[in-house]
Protein backbone atom coordinates (compact mmCIF):
# COMPACT_ATOMS: atom_id res chain seq x y z
CA MET A 1 137.35 19.61 -114.44
CA ALA A 2 138.51 16.11 -115.30
CA SER A 3 136.86 14.52 -118.28
CA ARG A 4 134.99 11.23 -117.85
CA ARG A 5 136.39 8.15 -119.46
CA PRO A 6 134.05 6.52 -121.93
CA ALA A 7 132.52 3.24 -120.75
CA ARG A 8 134.54 0.27 -121.88
CA LYS A 9 132.66 -1.85 -124.35
CA SER A 10 132.92 -5.60 -124.07
CA THR A 11 134.69 -7.35 -126.87
CA PRO A 12 132.93 -10.06 -128.88
CA LEU A 13 135.02 -12.67 -127.04
CA GLN A 14 133.92 -11.36 -123.61
CA ALA A 15 130.30 -11.33 -124.73
CA ARG A 16 130.57 -14.97 -125.84
CA LEU A 17 132.17 -15.97 -122.55
CA ALA A 18 129.44 -14.21 -120.56
CA ALA A 19 126.77 -15.85 -122.66
CA THR A 20 128.17 -19.32 -121.99
CA SER A 21 128.95 -18.92 -118.26
CA TRP A 22 125.40 -19.36 -116.96
CA PRO A 23 124.72 -22.65 -118.80
CA ARG A 24 128.02 -23.97 -117.47
CA LEU A 25 127.13 -22.96 -113.93
CA ILE A 26 123.71 -24.58 -114.24
CA LEU A 27 125.22 -27.75 -115.69
CA GLY A 28 127.80 -27.84 -112.91
CA ALA A 29 125.11 -27.42 -110.27
CA MET A 30 123.03 -30.20 -111.82
CA MET A 31 126.04 -32.53 -111.88
CA ALA A 32 126.79 -31.74 -108.23
CA VAL A 33 123.20 -32.51 -107.24
CA ALA A 34 123.26 -35.74 -109.26
CA ALA A 35 126.53 -36.78 -107.59
CA PHE A 36 125.07 -36.06 -104.15
CA VAL A 37 121.94 -38.10 -104.90
CA LEU A 38 124.00 -41.04 -106.19
CA LEU A 39 126.29 -40.97 -103.15
CA THR A 40 123.27 -40.84 -100.85
CA GLN A 41 121.70 -43.87 -102.53
CA PHE A 42 125.01 -45.72 -102.38
CA TYR A 43 125.16 -45.00 -98.64
CA PHE A 44 121.65 -46.36 -98.14
CA PHE A 45 122.47 -49.43 -100.20
CA CYS A 46 125.55 -50.15 -98.07
CA LYS A 47 123.45 -49.81 -94.92
CA VAL A 48 120.83 -52.19 -96.31
CA VAL A 49 123.57 -54.77 -96.94
CA TRP A 50 124.90 -54.20 -93.40
CA TYR A 51 121.48 -54.71 -91.82
CA ASN A 52 121.04 -57.89 -93.80
CA TYR A 53 123.65 -59.42 -91.48
CA ASN A 54 123.66 -57.20 -88.38
CA PRO A 55 120.94 -55.98 -86.00
CA PRO A 56 120.51 -52.20 -85.72
CA ARG A 57 121.63 -50.57 -82.49
CA SER A 58 119.01 -47.86 -82.94
CA THR A 59 116.88 -46.23 -85.65
CA PRO A 60 115.83 -42.64 -86.46
CA VAL A 61 112.36 -43.39 -85.04
CA MET A 62 113.93 -44.71 -81.83
CA ARG A 63 116.13 -41.65 -81.49
CA ALA A 64 113.18 -39.33 -82.01
CA ALA A 65 111.20 -41.23 -79.38
CA MET A 66 114.12 -40.99 -76.96
CA ALA A 67 114.30 -37.22 -77.49
CA ASP A 68 110.56 -36.92 -76.74
CA LEU A 69 110.89 -38.99 -73.57
CA GLN A 70 113.95 -37.16 -72.30
CA ARG A 71 112.31 -33.77 -72.69
CA GLU A 72 110.03 -34.83 -69.84
CA ASN A 73 112.46 -37.09 -68.02
CA PRO A 74 116.21 -36.72 -68.74
CA GLN A 75 116.80 -40.18 -67.23
CA ALA A 76 114.35 -41.97 -69.55
CA GLU A 77 115.61 -44.94 -71.55
CA LEU A 78 114.25 -46.95 -74.44
CA ARG A 79 113.19 -50.56 -74.03
CA TYR A 80 114.67 -52.44 -76.96
CA ASP A 81 115.93 -56.02 -76.92
CA TRP A 82 116.88 -57.75 -80.16
CA VAL A 83 115.74 -61.37 -80.53
CA ASP A 84 116.30 -63.72 -83.45
CA TYR A 85 113.48 -64.80 -85.74
CA ALA A 86 113.24 -68.21 -84.07
CA SER A 87 112.70 -66.54 -80.69
CA ILE A 88 109.53 -64.75 -81.81
CA ASN A 89 106.31 -66.71 -81.49
CA THR A 90 104.75 -67.73 -84.80
CA SER A 91 101.44 -66.23 -83.64
CA LEU A 92 102.96 -62.75 -83.58
CA LYS A 93 104.49 -63.19 -87.04
CA ARG A 94 101.12 -64.26 -88.43
CA ALA A 95 99.18 -61.56 -86.58
CA VAL A 96 101.46 -58.75 -87.76
CA VAL A 97 101.36 -59.92 -91.37
CA ALA A 98 97.57 -60.24 -91.19
CA ALA A 99 97.26 -56.75 -89.72
CA GLU A 100 99.86 -54.85 -91.73
CA ASP A 101 100.50 -56.63 -95.02
CA ALA A 102 98.45 -59.74 -95.83
CA ASN A 103 100.13 -60.08 -99.24
CA PHE A 104 103.63 -59.79 -97.77
CA MET A 105 104.93 -63.04 -99.26
CA ASN A 106 103.80 -62.21 -102.80
CA HIS A 107 104.57 -58.54 -103.51
CA THR A 108 107.94 -57.01 -104.41
CA GLY A 109 107.83 -54.18 -101.88
CA VAL A 110 104.93 -51.92 -102.84
CA GLU A 111 101.22 -52.65 -103.18
CA TRP A 112 100.10 -49.90 -105.56
CA ASP A 113 96.43 -50.85 -105.33
CA ALA A 114 96.57 -50.58 -101.55
CA VAL A 115 98.34 -47.21 -101.79
CA ARG A 116 95.66 -45.86 -104.10
CA ALA A 117 92.82 -47.24 -101.96
CA ALA A 118 94.33 -45.72 -98.81
CA TRP A 119 94.78 -42.34 -100.51
CA GLU A 120 91.18 -42.31 -101.73
CA HIS A 121 89.84 -43.32 -98.30
CA ASN A 122 91.92 -40.70 -96.48
CA GLN A 123 91.00 -37.97 -98.96
CA ASP A 124 87.30 -38.76 -98.56
CA LEU A 125 87.61 -38.75 -94.77
CA ARG A 126 89.41 -35.38 -94.80
CA GLU A 127 86.73 -33.85 -97.03
CA ARG A 128 83.90 -35.14 -94.83
CA ARG A 129 85.61 -33.84 -91.71
CA ALA A 130 86.20 -30.44 -93.32
CA ALA A 131 82.54 -30.26 -94.39
CA ALA A 132 81.41 -31.18 -90.88
CA ALA A 133 83.66 -28.54 -89.34
CA GLU A 134 82.35 -25.89 -91.72
CA ALA A 135 78.76 -26.80 -90.89
CA GLY A 136 79.51 -26.86 -87.16
CA GLU A 137 78.69 -30.54 -86.95
CA ARG A 138 80.47 -33.38 -85.20
CA ALA A 139 83.35 -34.79 -87.21
CA PRO A 140 82.60 -38.18 -88.78
CA ARG A 141 84.31 -41.13 -87.17
CA GLY A 142 86.93 -43.02 -89.08
CA VAL A 143 90.56 -44.08 -89.06
CA MET A 144 93.14 -42.86 -91.55
CA ARG A 145 94.57 -45.77 -93.49
CA GLY A 146 98.16 -46.46 -94.46
CA GLY A 147 98.93 -48.22 -97.70
CA SER A 148 102.51 -49.08 -96.79
CA THR A 149 103.76 -52.65 -96.86
CA ILE A 150 105.95 -54.13 -94.14
CA SER A 151 108.96 -53.57 -96.40
CA GLN A 152 108.09 -49.87 -96.76
CA GLN A 153 107.58 -49.50 -93.03
CA LEU A 154 110.94 -51.15 -92.42
CA ALA A 155 112.59 -48.70 -94.83
CA LYS A 156 111.04 -45.79 -92.94
CA ASN A 157 111.89 -47.15 -89.49
CA LEU A 158 115.50 -48.06 -90.31
CA PHE A 159 116.52 -45.00 -92.29
CA LEU A 160 113.96 -42.19 -92.27
CA SER A 161 111.39 -40.81 -89.84
CA ASN A 162 107.67 -40.45 -89.21
CA SER A 163 107.57 -37.10 -91.04
CA ARG A 164 105.40 -36.83 -94.14
CA SER A 165 106.59 -35.34 -97.43
CA TYR A 166 106.76 -36.36 -101.07
CA LEU A 167 110.57 -36.31 -100.92
CA ARG A 168 110.63 -38.66 -97.92
CA LYS A 169 108.09 -40.94 -99.60
CA GLY A 170 110.19 -41.09 -102.75
CA GLN A 171 113.29 -42.02 -100.77
CA GLU A 172 111.26 -44.64 -98.91
CA LEU A 173 110.32 -46.29 -102.21
CA VAL A 174 113.94 -46.42 -103.35
CA ILE A 175 115.10 -47.97 -100.07
CA THR A 176 112.20 -50.43 -100.20
CA TRP A 177 113.38 -51.59 -103.63
CA MET A 178 116.89 -52.10 -102.20
CA ILE A 179 115.56 -54.04 -99.20
CA GLU A 180 113.48 -56.37 -101.34
CA HIS A 181 116.42 -57.12 -103.65
CA VAL A 182 119.00 -57.64 -100.90
CA MET A 183 117.07 -59.30 -98.06
CA SER A 184 114.95 -62.40 -97.80
CA LYS A 185 111.35 -62.11 -96.65
CA GLN A 186 112.33 -63.77 -93.38
CA ARG A 187 115.03 -61.18 -92.71
CA ILE A 188 112.65 -58.33 -93.57
CA LEU A 189 110.05 -59.63 -91.12
CA GLU A 190 112.68 -60.32 -88.47
CA LEU A 191 113.97 -56.76 -88.67
CA TYR A 192 110.50 -55.25 -88.71
CA LEU A 193 109.36 -57.17 -85.64
CA ASN A 194 112.47 -56.01 -83.81
CA VAL A 195 112.27 -52.28 -84.62
CA ALA A 196 108.50 -51.70 -84.66
CA GLU A 197 107.20 -49.33 -81.98
CA TRP A 198 104.82 -50.83 -79.41
CA GLY A 199 104.41 -48.09 -76.84
CA ASN A 200 106.10 -45.10 -75.23
CA GLY A 201 109.77 -45.95 -75.68
CA VAL A 202 108.97 -49.62 -76.35
CA PHE A 203 110.53 -51.09 -79.50
CA GLY A 204 110.61 -54.65 -80.77
CA ALA A 205 108.67 -57.81 -80.04
CA GLN A 206 110.66 -58.78 -76.96
CA ALA A 207 110.30 -55.43 -75.20
CA ALA A 208 106.62 -55.31 -76.22
CA ALA A 209 105.88 -58.77 -74.80
CA ARG A 210 107.54 -57.89 -71.52
CA HIS A 211 105.96 -54.44 -71.27
CA HIS A 212 102.38 -55.41 -72.10
CA PHE A 213 102.17 -59.05 -70.94
CA ARG A 214 105.22 -59.69 -68.72
CA THR A 215 106.37 -62.56 -70.87
CA ASP A 216 108.87 -63.21 -73.67
CA ALA A 217 108.24 -62.86 -77.39
CA ALA A 218 108.62 -66.62 -77.72
CA SER A 219 105.83 -67.26 -75.21
CA LEU A 220 103.09 -64.99 -76.55
CA GLY A 221 99.67 -66.57 -76.96
CA PRO A 222 97.51 -66.04 -80.07
CA ARG A 223 95.27 -63.40 -78.45
CA GLN A 224 98.24 -61.53 -77.00
CA ALA A 225 99.95 -61.57 -80.39
CA ALA A 226 96.81 -60.32 -82.12
CA GLN A 227 96.49 -57.47 -79.62
CA LEU A 228 100.07 -56.37 -80.22
CA ALA A 229 99.47 -56.43 -83.97
CA ALA A 230 96.27 -54.41 -83.53
CA MET A 231 98.24 -51.74 -81.63
CA LEU A 232 100.75 -51.07 -84.39
CA PRO A 233 99.00 -48.16 -86.16
CA ASN A 234 98.91 -46.11 -82.94
CA PRO A 235 101.02 -47.80 -80.25
CA ARG A 236 101.52 -44.80 -77.95
CA PHE A 237 97.79 -44.13 -77.82
CA TYR A 238 97.01 -47.70 -76.75
CA ASP A 239 99.93 -47.73 -74.34
CA ASP A 240 98.32 -44.77 -72.57
CA ARG A 241 94.65 -45.76 -72.95
CA GLY A 242 94.85 -49.52 -72.63
CA ALA A 243 92.52 -51.97 -74.38
CA THR A 244 89.77 -49.82 -75.90
CA ARG A 245 86.58 -51.22 -77.42
CA TYR A 246 88.02 -50.79 -80.90
CA LEU A 247 91.30 -52.50 -79.95
CA ASN A 248 89.42 -55.49 -78.49
CA ALA A 249 87.28 -55.80 -81.62
CA ARG A 250 90.32 -55.53 -83.88
CA THR A 251 92.13 -58.14 -81.78
CA THR A 252 89.25 -60.57 -82.20
CA THR A 253 89.25 -60.03 -85.97
CA LEU A 254 93.00 -60.62 -86.24
CA THR A 255 92.80 -63.74 -84.08
CA SER A 256 90.56 -65.30 -86.70
CA ARG A 257 92.52 -63.99 -89.70
CA MET A 258 96.07 -64.73 -88.61
CA ARG A 259 95.90 -68.42 -89.53
CA GLN A 260 95.01 -67.56 -93.12
CA VAL A 261 98.21 -65.69 -94.02
CA ASN A 262 101.54 -67.06 -95.17
CA ILE A 263 104.77 -66.20 -93.38
CA PRO A 264 108.41 -66.99 -94.16
């Protein structure tokens, strides 16, 4: 019967190498992740610079909307027509700023007080709805608020998606910082008005004006502009339902407020 060989014992040098291999692997992985993050941010920065001078052909939100439409109708197409800032009626610029970001001309991209207020409101609304559901009662009425500025919404529309996660939100804040430091307020508003969603497959002020009012963005009246601005939080809903009681009330409010805001 053959005798078994004794197990080979590692030498002190091998033990030291084994002890140092894991830290090196971890450090290498961390450096690879850091390099990937830096390259990603550099890519986004280059795209921000590009969009400062060129209109986007499409956005992630547009492509997602197209996919939704073509699941039902393979021949469906988006309505999206770029128009310059001067070709958008001042009423729409004022109405959108009044509705979405009244302090647009003064902040540097993020309104932290508005973010906190929106979070507190939404958390309270969720808790009240959960309590009502547990008690078998009717859910309390209310609308979830967004604390995002126009600059943040532009960052999301141009580069990200409508998904919700802390990672996506963090990337949105970084891109917002880039946008605010590269672009003028006029360019930010011009881009936003051209890529905002205003219905099922309807993107931008020109397509919205034609779809909802059969006119051009340059010819919108104050009430029409206010109604388009009031639709922004839920454009597909209002495209399907039309002018609800809430939308009419919100339109009236914005018509009176739009003259009080500053625009570039």
